[in-house]
ModelCIF file with pLDDT and N, C-alpha, C, O atoms, coordinates in Angstrom:
data_MODEL
#
_entry.id   MODEL 
#
_entity.id                         1 
_entity.type                       polymer 
_entity.pdbx_number_of_molecules   1 
#
_entity_poly.entity_id                      1 
_entity_poly.type                           'polypeptide(L)' 
_entity_poly.nstd_linkage                   no 
_entity_poly.nstd_monomer                   no 
_entity_poly.pdbx_seq_one_letter_code       GYAVTAGHFSQPTTTDIVGGAPQDGGIGKVYIFRTDRRSGSLIKIFQA 
_entity_poly.pdbx_seq_one_letter_code_can   GYAVTAGHFSQPTTTDIVGGAPQDGGIGKVYIFRTDRRSGSLIKIFQA 
_entity_poly.pdbx_strand_id                 A 
#
loop_
_entity_poly_seq.entity_id 
_entity_poly_seq.num 
_entity_poly_seq.mon_id 
_entity_poly_seq.hetero 
1 1  GLY n 
1 2  TYR n 
1 3  ALA n 
1 4  VAL n 
1 5  THR n 
1 6  ALA n 
1 7  GLY n 
1 8  HIS n 
1 9  PHE n 
1 10 SER n 
1 11 GLN n 
1 12 PRO n 
1 13 THR n 
1 14 THR n 
1 15 THR n 
1 16 ASP n 
1 17 ILE n 
1 18 VAL n 
1 19 GLY n 
1 20 GLY n 
1 21 ALA n 
1 22 PRO n 
1 23 GLN n 
1 24 ASP n 
1 25 GLY n 
1 26 GLY n 
1 27 ILE n 
1 28 GLY n 
1 29 LYS n 
1 30 VAL n 
1 31 TYR n 
1 32 ILE n 
1 33 PHE n 
1 34 ARG n 
1 35 THR n 
1 36 ASP n 
1 37 ARG n 
1 38 ARG n 
1 39 SER n 
1 40 GLY n 
1 41 SER n 
1 42 LEU n 
1 43 ILE n 
1 44 LYS n 
1 45 ILE n 
1 46 PHE n 
1 47 GLN n 
1 48 ALA n 
#
_struct_asym.id          A 
_struct_asym.entity_id   1 
#
loop_
_ma_qa_metric.id 
_ma_qa_metric.mode 
_ma_qa_metric.name 
_ma_qa_metric.software_group_id 
_ma_qa_metric.type 
1 global pLDDT . pLDDT 
2 local  pLDDT . pLDDT 
#
_ma_qa_metric_global.metric_id      1 
_ma_qa_metric_global.metric_value   96.19 
_ma_qa_metric_global.model_id       1 
_ma_qa_metric_global.ordinal_id     1 
#
loop_
_ma_qa_metric_local.label_asym_id 
_ma_qa_metric_local.label_comp_id 
_ma_qa_metric_local.label_seq_id 
_ma_qa_metric_local.metric_id 
_ma_qa_metric_local.metric_value 
_ma_qa_metric_local.model_id 
_ma_qa_metric_local.ordinal_id 
A GLY 1  2 97.00 1 1  
A TYR 2  2 98.00 1 2  
A ALA 3  2 98.00 1 3  
A VAL 4  2 98.00 1 4  
A THR 5  2 98.00 1 5  
A ALA 6  2 97.00 1 6  
A GLY 7  2 97.00 1 7  
A HIS 8  2 97.00 1 8  
A PHE 9  2 97.00 1 9  
A SER 10 2 95.00 1 10 
A GLN 11 2 94.00 1 11 
A PRO 12 2 95.00 1 12 
A THR 13 2 93.00 1 13 
A THR 14 2 94.00 1 14 
A THR 15 2 95.00 1 15 
A ASP 16 2 97.00 1 16 
A ILE 17 2 97.00 1 17 
A VAL 18 2 98.00 1 18 
A GLY 19 2 98.00 1 19 
A GLY 20 2 98.00 1 20 
A ALA 21 2 98.00 1 21 
A PRO 22 2 98.00 1 22 
A GLN 23 2 97.00 1 23 
A ASP 24 2 97.00 1 24 
A GLY 25 2 95.00 1 25 
A GLY 26 2 96.00 1 26 
A ILE 27 2 97.00 1 27 
A GLY 28 2 98.00 1 28 
A LYS 29 2 98.00 1 29 
A VAL 30 2 98.00 1 30 
A TYR 31 2 97.00 1 31 
A ILE 32 2 97.00 1 32 
A PHE 33 2 97.00 1 33 
A ARG 34 2 96.00 1 34 
A THR 35 2 95.00 1 35 
A ASP 36 2 93.00 1 36 
A ARG 37 2 90.00 1 37 
A ARG 38 2 91.00 1 38 
A SER 39 2 93.00 1 39 
A GLY 40 2 94.00 1 40 
A SER 41 2 95.00 1 41 
A LEU 42 2 96.00 1 42 
A ILE 43 2 96.00 1 43 
A LYS 44 2 96.00 1 44 
A ILE 45 2 96.00 1 45 
A PHE 46 2 97.00 1 46 
A GLN 47 2 97.00 1 47 
A ALA 48 2 98.00 1 48 
#
loop_
_atom_site.group_PDB 
_atom_site.id 
_atom_site.type_symbol 
_atom_site.label_atom_id 
_atom_site.label_alt_id 
_atom_site.label_comp_id 
_atom_site.label_asym_id 
_atom_site.label_entity_id 
_atom_site.label_seq_id 
_atom_site.pdbx_PDB_ins_code 
_atom_site.Cartn_x 
_atom_site.Cartn_y 
_atom_site.Cartn_z 
_atom_site.occupancy 
_atom_site.B_iso_or_equiv 
_atom_site.pdbx_formal_charge 
_atom_site.auth_seq_id 
_atom_site.auth_comp_id 
_atom_site.auth_asym_id 
_atom_site.auth_atom_id 
_atom_site.pdbx_PDB_model_num 
ATOM 1   N N  . GLY A 1 1  ? -1.702  -6.022 2.833   1.00 97.00 ? 1  GLY A N  1 
ATOM 2   C CA . GLY A 1 1  ? -1.819  -6.390 4.243   1.00 97.00 ? 1  GLY A CA 1 
ATOM 3   C C  . GLY A 1 1  ? -0.574  -7.019 4.797   1.00 97.00 ? 1  GLY A C  1 
ATOM 4   O O  . GLY A 1 1  ? -0.544  -7.436 5.955   1.00 97.00 ? 1  GLY A O  1 
ATOM 5   N N  . TYR A 1 2  ? 0.495   -7.095 3.951   1.00 98.00 ? 2  TYR A N  1 
ATOM 6   C CA . TYR A 1 2  ? 1.762   -7.641 4.432   1.00 98.00 ? 2  TYR A CA 1 
ATOM 7   C C  . TYR A 1 2  ? 2.281   -6.836 5.620   1.00 98.00 ? 2  TYR A C  1 
ATOM 8   O O  . TYR A 1 2  ? 2.892   -7.386 6.536   1.00 98.00 ? 2  TYR A O  1 
ATOM 9   N N  . ALA A 1 3  ? 2.031   -5.531 5.593   1.00 98.00 ? 3  ALA A N  1 
ATOM 10  C CA . ALA A 1 3  ? 2.289   -4.657 6.725   1.00 98.00 ? 3  ALA A CA 1 
ATOM 11  C C  . ALA A 1 3  ? 1.092   -3.734 6.926   1.00 98.00 ? 3  ALA A C  1 
ATOM 12  O O  . ALA A 1 3  ? 0.480   -3.285 5.957   1.00 98.00 ? 3  ALA A O  1 
ATOM 13  N N  . VAL A 1 4  ? 0.762   -3.456 8.166   1.00 98.00 ? 4  VAL A N  1 
ATOM 14  C CA . VAL A 1 4  ? -0.340  -2.541 8.484   1.00 98.00 ? 4  VAL A CA 1 
ATOM 15  C C  . VAL A 1 4  ? 0.063   -1.623 9.620   1.00 98.00 ? 4  VAL A C  1 
ATOM 16  O O  . VAL A 1 4  ? 0.881   -1.979 10.469  1.00 98.00 ? 4  VAL A O  1 
ATOM 17  N N  . THR A 1 5  ? -0.510  -0.464 9.623   1.00 98.00 ? 5  THR A N  1 
ATOM 18  C CA . THR A 1 5  ? -0.342  0.450  10.765  1.00 98.00 ? 5  THR A CA 1 
ATOM 19  C C  . THR A 1 5  ? -1.539  1.400  10.758  1.00 98.00 ? 5  THR A C  1 
ATOM 20  O O  . THR A 1 5  ? -2.383  1.318  9.865   1.00 98.00 ? 5  THR A O  1 
ATOM 21  N N  . ALA A 1 6  ? -1.621  2.274  11.712  1.00 97.00 ? 6  ALA A N  1 
ATOM 22  C CA . ALA A 1 6  ? -2.741  3.216  11.822  1.00 97.00 ? 6  ALA A CA 1 
ATOM 23  C C  . ALA A 1 6  ? -2.232  4.543  12.329  1.00 97.00 ? 6  ALA A C  1 
ATOM 24  O O  . ALA A 1 6  ? -1.225  4.603  13.033  1.00 97.00 ? 6  ALA A O  1 
ATOM 25  N N  . GLY A 1 7  ? -2.937  5.625  11.966  1.00 97.00 ? 7  GLY A N  1 
ATOM 26  C CA . GLY A 1 7  ? -2.531  6.964  12.407  1.00 97.00 ? 7  GLY A CA 1 
ATOM 27  C C  . GLY A 1 7  ? -3.586  7.995  12.072  1.00 97.00 ? 7  GLY A C  1 
ATOM 28  O O  . GLY A 1 7  ? -4.645  7.690  11.524  1.00 97.00 ? 7  GLY A O  1 
ATOM 29  N N  . HIS A 1 8  ? -3.263  9.213  12.418  1.00 97.00 ? 8  HIS A N  1 
ATOM 30  C CA . HIS A 1 8  ? -4.197  10.322 12.208  1.00 97.00 ? 8  HIS A CA 1 
ATOM 31  C C  . HIS A 1 8  ? -3.800  11.057 10.909  1.00 97.00 ? 8  HIS A C  1 
ATOM 32  O O  . HIS A 1 8  ? -3.089  12.062 10.941  1.00 97.00 ? 8  HIS A O  1 
ATOM 33  N N  . PHE A 1 9  ? -4.281  10.525 9.766   1.00 97.00 ? 9  PHE A N  1 
ATOM 34  C CA . PHE A 1 9  ? -3.848  11.035 8.495   1.00 97.00 ? 9  PHE A CA 1 
ATOM 35  C C  . PHE A 1 9  ? -4.837  12.071 7.930   1.00 97.00 ? 9  PHE A C  1 
ATOM 36  O O  . PHE A 1 9  ? -4.395  13.065 7.354   1.00 97.00 ? 9  PHE A O  1 
ATOM 37  N N  . SER A 1 10 ? -6.133  11.877 8.072   1.00 95.00 ? 10 SER A N  1 
ATOM 38  C CA . SER A 1 10 ? -7.095  12.812 7.511   1.00 95.00 ? 10 SER A CA 1 
ATOM 39  C C  . SER A 1 10 ? -7.311  13.992 8.456   1.00 95.00 ? 10 SER A C  1 
ATOM 40  O O  . SER A 1 10 ? -7.416  15.134 8.007   1.00 95.00 ? 10 SER A O  1 
ATOM 41  N N  . GLN A 1 11 ? -7.379  13.730 9.743   1.00 94.00 ? 11 GLN A N  1 
ATOM 42  C CA . GLN A 1 11 ? -7.502  14.793 10.725  1.00 94.00 ? 11 GLN A CA 1 
ATOM 43  C C  . GLN A 1 11 ? -7.061  14.235 12.096  1.00 94.00 ? 11 GLN A C  1 
ATOM 44  O O  . GLN A 1 11 ? -7.058  13.022 12.307  1.00 94.00 ? 11 GLN A O  1 
ATOM 45  N N  . PRO A 1 12 ? -6.688  15.139 13.021  1.00 95.00 ? 12 PRO A N  1 
ATOM 46  C CA . PRO A 1 12 ? -6.133  14.663 14.311  1.00 95.00 ? 12 PRO A CA 1 
ATOM 47  C C  . PRO A 1 12 ? -7.074  13.823 15.156  1.00 95.00 ? 12 PRO A C  1 
ATOM 48  O O  . PRO A 1 12 ? -6.612  13.079 16.021  1.00 95.00 ? 12 PRO A O  1 
ATOM 49  N N  . THR A 1 13 ? -8.380  13.918 14.935  1.00 93.00 ? 13 THR A N  1 
ATOM 50  C CA . THR A 1 13 ? -9.335  13.222 15.791  1.00 93.00 ? 13 THR A CA 1 
ATOM 51  C C  . THR A 1 13 ? -9.848  11.910 15.214  1.00 93.00 ? 13 THR A C  1 
ATOM 52  O O  . THR A 1 13 ? -10.676 11.253 15.846  1.00 93.00 ? 13 THR A O  1 
ATOM 53  N N  . THR A 1 14 ? -9.384  11.508 14.039  1.00 94.00 ? 14 THR A N  1 
ATOM 54  C CA . THR A 1 14 ? -9.816  10.235 13.449  1.00 94.00 ? 14 THR A CA 1 
ATOM 55  C C  . THR A 1 14 ? -8.582  9.340  13.230  1.00 94.00 ? 14 THR A C  1 
ATOM 56  O O  . THR A 1 14 ? -7.458  9.809  13.051  1.00 94.00 ? 14 THR A O  1 
ATOM 57  N N  . THR A 1 15 ? -8.856  8.041  13.256  1.00 95.00 ? 15 THR A N  1 
ATOM 58  C CA . THR A 1 15 ? -7.820  7.065  13.037  1.00 95.00 ? 15 THR A CA 1 
ATOM 59  C C  . THR A 1 15 ? -8.013  6.390  11.690  1.00 95.00 ? 15 THR A C  1 
ATOM 60  O O  . THR A 1 15 ? -9.066  5.815  11.416  1.00 95.00 ? 15 THR A O  1 
ATOM 61  N N  . ASP A 1 16 ? -6.986  6.466  10.854  1.00 97.00 ? 16 ASP A N  1 
ATOM 62  C CA . ASP A 1 16 ? -7.037  5.886  9.518   1.00 97.00 ? 16 ASP A CA 1 
ATOM 63  C C  . ASP A 1 16 ? -6.054  4.715  9.457   1.00 97.00 ? 16 ASP A C  1 
ATOM 64  O O  . ASP A 1 16 ? -5.141  4.595  10.273  1.00 97.00 ? 16 ASP A O  1 
ATOM 65  N N  . ILE A 1 17 ? -6.272  3.876  8.481   1.00 97.00 ? 17 ILE A N  1 
ATOM 66  C CA . ILE A 1 17 ? -5.562  2.582  8.365   1.00 97.00 ? 17 ILE A CA 1 
ATOM 67  C C  . ILE A 1 17 ? -4.639  2.603  7.155   1.00 97.00 ? 17 ILE A C  1 
ATOM 68  O O  . ILE A 1 17 ? -5.005  3.109  6.094   1.00 97.00 ? 17 ILE A O  1 
ATOM 69  N N  . VAL A 1 18 ? -3.423  2.042  7.322   1.00 98.00 ? 18 VAL A N  1 
ATOM 70  C CA . VAL A 1 18 ? -2.441  1.965  6.253   1.00 98.00 ? 18 VAL A CA 1 
ATOM 71  C C  . VAL A 1 18 ? -2.172  0.481  5.962   1.00 98.00 ? 18 VAL A C  1 
ATOM 72  O O  . VAL A 1 18 ? -1.996  -0.319 6.881   1.00 98.00 ? 18 VAL A O  1 
ATOM 73  N N  . GLY A 1 19 ? -2.144  0.130  4.681   1.00 98.00 ? 19 GLY A N  1 
ATOM 74  C CA . GLY A 1 19 ? -1.818  -1.201 4.281   1.00 98.00 ? 19 GLY A CA 1 
ATOM 75  C C  . GLY A 1 19 ? -0.759  -1.203 3.193   1.00 98.00 ? 19 GLY A C  1 
ATOM 76  O O  . GLY A 1 19 ? -0.844  -0.457 2.217   1.00 98.00 ? 19 GLY A O  1 
ATOM 77  N N  . GLY A 1 20 ? 0.252   -2.066 3.381   1.00 98.00 ? 20 GLY A N  1 
ATOM 78  C CA . GLY A 1 20 ? 1.292   -2.181 2.362   1.00 98.00 ? 20 GLY A CA 1 
ATOM 79  C C  . GLY A 1 20 ? 1.029   -3.406 1.463   1.00 98.00 ? 20 GLY A C  1 
ATOM 80  O O  . GLY A 1 20 ? 0.577   -4.454 1.925   1.00 98.00 ? 20 GLY A O  1 
ATOM 81  N N  . ALA A 1 21 ? 1.321   -3.238 0.199   1.00 98.00 ? 21 ALA A N  1 
ATOM 82  C CA . ALA A 1 21 ? 1.149   -4.316 -0.802  1.00 98.00 ? 21 ALA A CA 1 
ATOM 83  C C  . ALA A 1 21 ? 2.456   -4.420 -1.556  1.00 98.00 ? 21 ALA A C  1 
ATOM 84  O O  . ALA A 1 21 ? 2.558   -3.889 -2.662  1.00 98.00 ? 21 ALA A O  1 
ATOM 85  N N  . PRO A 1 22 ? 3.470   -5.089 -1.000  1.00 98.00 ? 22 PRO A N  1 
ATOM 86  C CA . PRO A 1 22 ? 4.820   -5.026 -1.553  1.00 98.00 ? 22 PRO A CA 1 
ATOM 87  C C  . PRO A 1 22 ? 5.053   -5.678 -2.915  1.00 98.00 ? 22 PRO A C  1 
ATOM 88  O O  . PRO A 1 22 ? 6.092   -5.477 -3.543  1.00 98.00 ? 22 PRO A O  1 
ATOM 89  N N  . GLN A 1 23 ? 4.057   -6.470 -3.365  1.00 97.00 ? 23 GLN A N  1 
ATOM 90  C CA . GLN A 1 23 ? 4.196   -7.113 -4.681  1.00 97.00 ? 23 GLN A CA 1 
ATOM 91  C C  . GLN A 1 23 ? 3.299   -6.460 -5.738  1.00 97.00 ? 23 GLN A C  1 
ATOM 92  O O  . GLN A 1 23 ? 3.297   -6.899 -6.888  1.00 97.00 ? 23 GLN A O  1 
ATOM 93  N N  . ASP A 1 24 ? 2.547   -5.435 -5.379  1.00 97.00 ? 24 ASP A N  1 
ATOM 94  C CA . ASP A 1 24 ? 1.618   -4.817 -6.292  1.00 97.00 ? 24 ASP A CA 1 
ATOM 95  C C  . ASP A 1 24 ? 2.346   -4.189 -7.479  1.00 97.00 ? 24 ASP A C  1 
ATOM 96  O O  . ASP A 1 24 ? 3.138   -3.264 -7.303  1.00 97.00 ? 24 ASP A O  1 
ATOM 97  N N  . GLY A 1 25 ? 2.078   -4.693 -8.695  1.00 95.00 ? 25 GLY A N  1 
ATOM 98  C CA . GLY A 1 25 ? 2.713   -4.198 -9.866  1.00 95.00 ? 25 GLY A CA 1 
ATOM 99  C C  . GLY A 1 25 ? 4.181   -4.506 -9.972  1.00 95.00 ? 25 GLY A C  1 
ATOM 100 O O  . GLY A 1 25 ? 4.851   -4.006 -10.876 1.00 95.00 ? 25 GLY A O  1 
ATOM 101 N N  . GLY A 1 26 ? 4.708   -5.324 -9.067  1.00 96.00 ? 26 GLY A N  1 
ATOM 102 C CA . GLY A 1 26 ? 6.094   -5.644 -9.010  1.00 96.00 ? 26 GLY A CA 1 
ATOM 103 C C  . GLY A 1 26 ? 6.920   -4.621 -8.282  1.00 96.00 ? 26 GLY A C  1 
ATOM 104 O O  . GLY A 1 26 ? 8.015   -4.943 -7.820  1.00 96.00 ? 26 GLY A O  1 
ATOM 105 N N  . ILE A 1 27 ? 6.435   -3.379 -8.155  1.00 97.00 ? 27 ILE A N  1 
ATOM 106 C CA . ILE A 1 27 ? 7.149   -2.318 -7.502  1.00 97.00 ? 27 ILE A CA 1 
ATOM 107 C C  . ILE A 1 27 ? 6.669   -2.047 -6.080  1.00 97.00 ? 27 ILE A C  1 
ATOM 108 O O  . ILE A 1 27 ? 7.379   -1.420 -5.294  1.00 97.00 ? 27 ILE A O  1 
ATOM 109 N N  . GLY A 1 28 ? 5.464   -2.517 -5.744  1.00 98.00 ? 28 GLY A N  1 
ATOM 110 C CA . GLY A 1 28 ? 4.906   -2.285 -4.413  1.00 98.00 ? 28 GLY A CA 1 
ATOM 111 C C  . GLY A 1 28 ? 4.107   -1.019 -4.339  1.00 98.00 ? 28 GLY A C  1 
ATOM 112 O O  . GLY A 1 28 ? 4.395   -0.027 -5.009  1.00 98.00 ? 28 GLY A O  1 
ATOM 113 N N  . LYS A 1 29 ? 3.063   -1.078 -3.480  1.00 98.00 ? 29 LYS A N  1 
ATOM 114 C CA . LYS A 1 29 ? 2.251   0.107  -3.226  1.00 98.00 ? 29 LYS A CA 1 
ATOM 115 C C  . LYS A 1 29 ? 1.835   0.178  -1.772  1.00 98.00 ? 29 LYS A C  1 
ATOM 116 O O  . LYS A 1 29 ? 1.867   -0.820 -1.053  1.00 98.00 ? 29 LYS A O  1 
ATOM 117 N N  . VAL A 1 30 ? 1.452   1.346  -1.356  1.00 98.00 ? 30 VAL A N  1 
ATOM 118 C CA . VAL A 1 30 ? 0.911   1.598  -0.033  1.00 98.00 ? 30 VAL A CA 1 
ATOM 119 C C  . VAL A 1 30 ? -0.405  2.371  -0.148  1.00 98.00 ? 30 VAL A C  1 
ATOM 120 O O  . VAL A 1 30 ? -0.510  3.310  -0.937  1.00 98.00 ? 30 VAL A O  1 
ATOM 121 N N  . TYR A 1 31 ? -1.400  1.975  0.635   1.00 97.00 ? 31 TYR A N  1 
ATOM 122 C CA . TYR A 1 31 ? -2.699  2.610  0.627   1.00 97.00 ? 31 TYR A CA 1 
ATOM 123 C C  . TYR A 1 31 ? -3.055  3.102  2.035   1.00 97.00 ? 31 TYR A C  1 
ATOM 124 O O  . TYR A 1 31 ? -2.740  2.442  3.026   1.00 97.00 ? 31 TYR A O  1 
ATOM 125 N N  . ILE A 1 32 ? -3.717  4.268  2.117   1.00 97.00 ? 32 ILE A N  1 
ATOM 126 C CA . ILE A 1 32 ? -4.306  4.704  3.358   1.00 97.00 ? 32 ILE A CA 1 
ATOM 127 C C  . ILE A 1 32 ? -5.818  4.705  3.189   1.00 97.00 ? 32 ILE A C  1 
ATOM 128 O O  . ILE A 1 32 ? -6.336  5.190  2.183   1.00 97.00 ? 32 ILE A O  1 
ATOM 129 N N  . PHE A 1 33 ? -6.513  4.170  4.161   1.00 97.00 ? 33 PHE A N  1 
ATOM 130 C CA . PHE A 1 33 ? -7.992  4.033  4.140   1.00 97.00 ? 33 PHE A CA 1 
ATOM 131 C C  . PHE A 1 33 ? -8.582  4.740  5.336   1.00 97.00 ? 33 PHE A C  1 
ATOM 132 O O  . PHE A 1 33 ? -8.007  4.726  6.424   1.00 97.00 ? 33 PHE A O  1 
ATOM 133 N N  . ARG A 1 34 ? -9.744  5.365  5.130   1.00 96.00 ? 34 ARG A N  1 
ATOM 134 C CA . ARG A 1 34 ? -10.566 5.808  6.287   1.00 96.00 ? 34 ARG A CA 1 
ATOM 135 C C  . ARG A 1 34 ? -11.707 4.818  6.449   1.00 96.00 ? 34 ARG A C  1 
ATOM 136 O O  . ARG A 1 34 ? -12.089 4.124  5.507   1.00 96.00 ? 34 ARG A O  1 
ATOM 137 N N  . THR A 1 35 ? -12.236 4.765  7.647   1.00 95.00 ? 35 THR A N  1 
ATOM 138 C CA . THR A 1 35 ? -13.391 3.888  7.912   1.00 95.00 ? 35 THR A CA 1 
ATOM 139 C C  . THR A 1 35 ? -14.658 4.634  7.686   1.00 95.00 ? 35 THR A C  1 
ATOM 140 O O  . THR A 1 35 ? -14.808 5.777  8.116   1.00 95.00 ? 35 THR A O  1 
ATOM 141 N N  . ASP A 1 36 ? -15.597 3.980  6.995   1.00 93.00 ? 36 ASP A N  1 
ATOM 142 C CA . ASP A 1 36 ? -16.933 4.564  6.756   1.00 93.00 ? 36 ASP A CA 1 
ATOM 143 C C  . ASP A 1 36 ? -17.966 3.791  7.550   1.00 93.00 ? 36 ASP A C  1 
ATOM 144 O O  . ASP A 1 36 ? -18.341 2.681  7.174   1.00 93.00 ? 36 ASP A O  1 
ATOM 145 N N  . ARG A 1 37 ? -18.425 4.368  8.643   1.00 90.00 ? 37 ARG A N  1 
ATOM 146 C CA . ARG A 1 37 ? -19.307 3.645  9.560   1.00 90.00 ? 37 ARG A CA 1 
ATOM 147 C C  . ARG A 1 37 ? -20.616 3.253  8.877   1.00 90.00 ? 37 ARG A C  1 
ATOM 148 O O  . ARG A 1 37 ? -21.167 2.190  9.164   1.00 90.00 ? 37 ARG A O  1 
ATOM 149 N N  . ARG A 1 38 ? -21.114 4.091  7.986   1.00 91.00 ? 38 ARG A N  1 
ATOM 150 C CA . ARG A 1 38 ? -22.412 3.794  7.380   1.00 91.00 ? 38 ARG A CA 1 
ATOM 151 C C  . ARG A 1 38 ? -22.360 2.531  6.544   1.00 91.00 ? 38 ARG A C  1 
ATOM 152 O O  . ARG A 1 38 ? -23.267 1.702  6.617   1.00 91.00 ? 38 ARG A O  1 
ATOM 153 N N  . SER A 1 39 ? -21.296 2.370  5.739   1.00 93.00 ? 39 SER A N  1 
ATOM 154 C CA . SER A 1 39 ? -21.220 1.208  4.833   1.00 93.00 ? 39 SER A CA 1 
ATOM 155 C C  . SER A 1 39 ? -20.395 0.074  5.415   1.00 93.00 ? 39 SER A C  1 
ATOM 156 O O  . SER A 1 39 ? -20.395 -1.032 4.875   1.00 93.00 ? 39 SER A O  1 
ATOM 157 N N  . GLY A 1 40 ? -19.692 0.335  6.508   1.00 94.00 ? 40 GLY A N  1 
ATOM 158 C CA . GLY A 1 40 ? -18.786 -0.684 7.048   1.00 94.00 ? 40 GLY A CA 1 
ATOM 159 C C  . GLY A 1 40 ? -17.603 -0.983 6.145   1.00 94.00 ? 40 GLY A C  1 
ATOM 160 O O  . GLY A 1 40 ? -17.041 -2.077 6.182   1.00 94.00 ? 40 GLY A O  1 
ATOM 161 N N  . SER A 1 41 ? -17.228 0.005  5.327   1.00 95.00 ? 41 SER A N  1 
ATOM 162 C CA . SER A 1 41 ? -16.153 -0.204 4.343   1.00 95.00 ? 41 SER A CA 1 
ATOM 163 C C  . SER A 1 41 ? -14.933 0.638  4.692   1.00 95.00 ? 41 SER A C  1 
ATOM 164 O O  . SER A 1 41 ? -15.008 1.604  5.451   1.00 95.00 ? 41 SER A O  1 
ATOM 165 N N  . LEU A 1 42 ? -13.819 0.241  4.116   1.00 96.00 ? 42 LEU A N  1 
ATOM 166 C CA . LEU A 1 42 ? -12.596 1.009  4.145   1.00 96.00 ? 42 LEU A CA 1 
ATOM 167 C C  . LEU A 1 42 ? -12.510 1.774  2.816   1.00 96.00 ? 42 LEU A C  1 
ATOM 168 O O  . LEU A 1 42 ? -12.566 1.171  1.744   1.00 96.00 ? 42 LEU A O  1 
ATOM 169 N N  . ILE A 1 43 ? -12.377 3.080  2.894   1.00 96.00 ? 43 ILE A N  1 
ATOM 170 C CA . ILE A 1 43 ? -12.350 3.948  1.705   1.00 96.00 ? 43 ILE A CA 1 
ATOM 171 C C  . ILE A 1 43 ? -10.928 4.484  1.473   1.00 96.00 ? 43 ILE A C  1 
ATOM 172 O O  . ILE A 1 43 ? -10.340 5.095  2.365   1.00 96.00 ? 43 ILE A O  1 
ATOM 173 N N  . LYS A 1 44 ? -10.399 4.259  0.308   1.00 96.00 ? 44 LYS A N  1 
ATOM 174 C CA . LYS A 1 44 ? -9.049  4.722  -0.007  1.00 96.00 ? 44 LYS A CA 1 
ATOM 175 C C  . LYS A 1 44 ? -8.991  6.231  -0.072  1.00 96.00 ? 44 LYS A C  1 
ATOM 176 O O  . LYS A 1 44 ? -9.809  6.854  -0.751  1.00 96.00 ? 44 LYS A O  1 
ATOM 177 N N  . ILE A 1 45 ? -8.023  6.839  0.634   1.00 96.00 ? 45 ILE A N  1 
ATOM 178 C CA . ILE A 1 45 ? -7.827  8.287  0.565   1.00 96.00 ? 45 ILE A CA 1 
ATOM 179 C C  . ILE A 1 45 ? -6.441  8.673  0.056   1.00 96.00 ? 45 ILE A C  1 
ATOM 180 O O  . ILE A 1 45 ? -6.195  9.844  -0.236  1.00 96.00 ? 45 ILE A O  1 
ATOM 181 N N  . PHE A 1 46 ? -5.519  7.686  -0.057  1.00 97.00 ? 46 PHE A N  1 
ATOM 182 C CA . PHE A 1 46 ? -4.177  8.008  -0.492  1.00 97.00 ? 46 PHE A CA 1 
ATOM 183 C C  . PHE A 1 46 ? -3.503  6.705  -0.986  1.00 97.00 ? 46 PHE A C  1 
ATOM 184 O O  . PHE A 1 46 ? -3.762  5.623  -0.459  1.00 97.00 ? 46 PHE A O  1 
ATOM 185 N N  . GLN A 1 47 ? -2.650  6.833  -1.990  1.00 97.00 ? 47 GLN A N  1 
ATOM 186 C CA . GLN A 1 47 ? -1.826  5.720  -2.366  1.00 97.00 ? 47 GLN A CA 1 
ATOM 187 C C  . GLN A 1 47 ? -0.474  6.191  -2.895  1.00 97.00 ? 47 GLN A C  1 
ATOM 188 O O  . GLN A 1 47 ? -0.370  7.279  -3.462  1.00 97.00 ? 47 GLN A O  1 
ATOM 189 N N  . ALA A 1 48 ? 0.543   5.385  -2.713  1.00 98.00 ? 48 ALA A N  1 
ATOM 190 C CA . ALA A 1 48 ? 1.862   5.718  -3.236  1.00 98.00 ? 48 ALA A CA 1 
ATOM 191 C C  . ALA A 1 48 ? 2.491   4.441  -3.760  1.00 98.00 ? 48 ALA A C  1 
ATOM 192 O O  . ALA A 1 48 ? 3.618   4.466  -4.256  1.00 98.00 ? 48 ALA A O  1 
#
């Protein structure tokens, strides 16, 4: 959550969330999440 942004990653009509974790594993990671209305959760769909 050090950095966050949002965009249309899974499809043009939905908004997905990106979170940066610059200390993860010492090398840093980035995750993209979609929102799941039924569970109220953020579901990971990509990481780098």
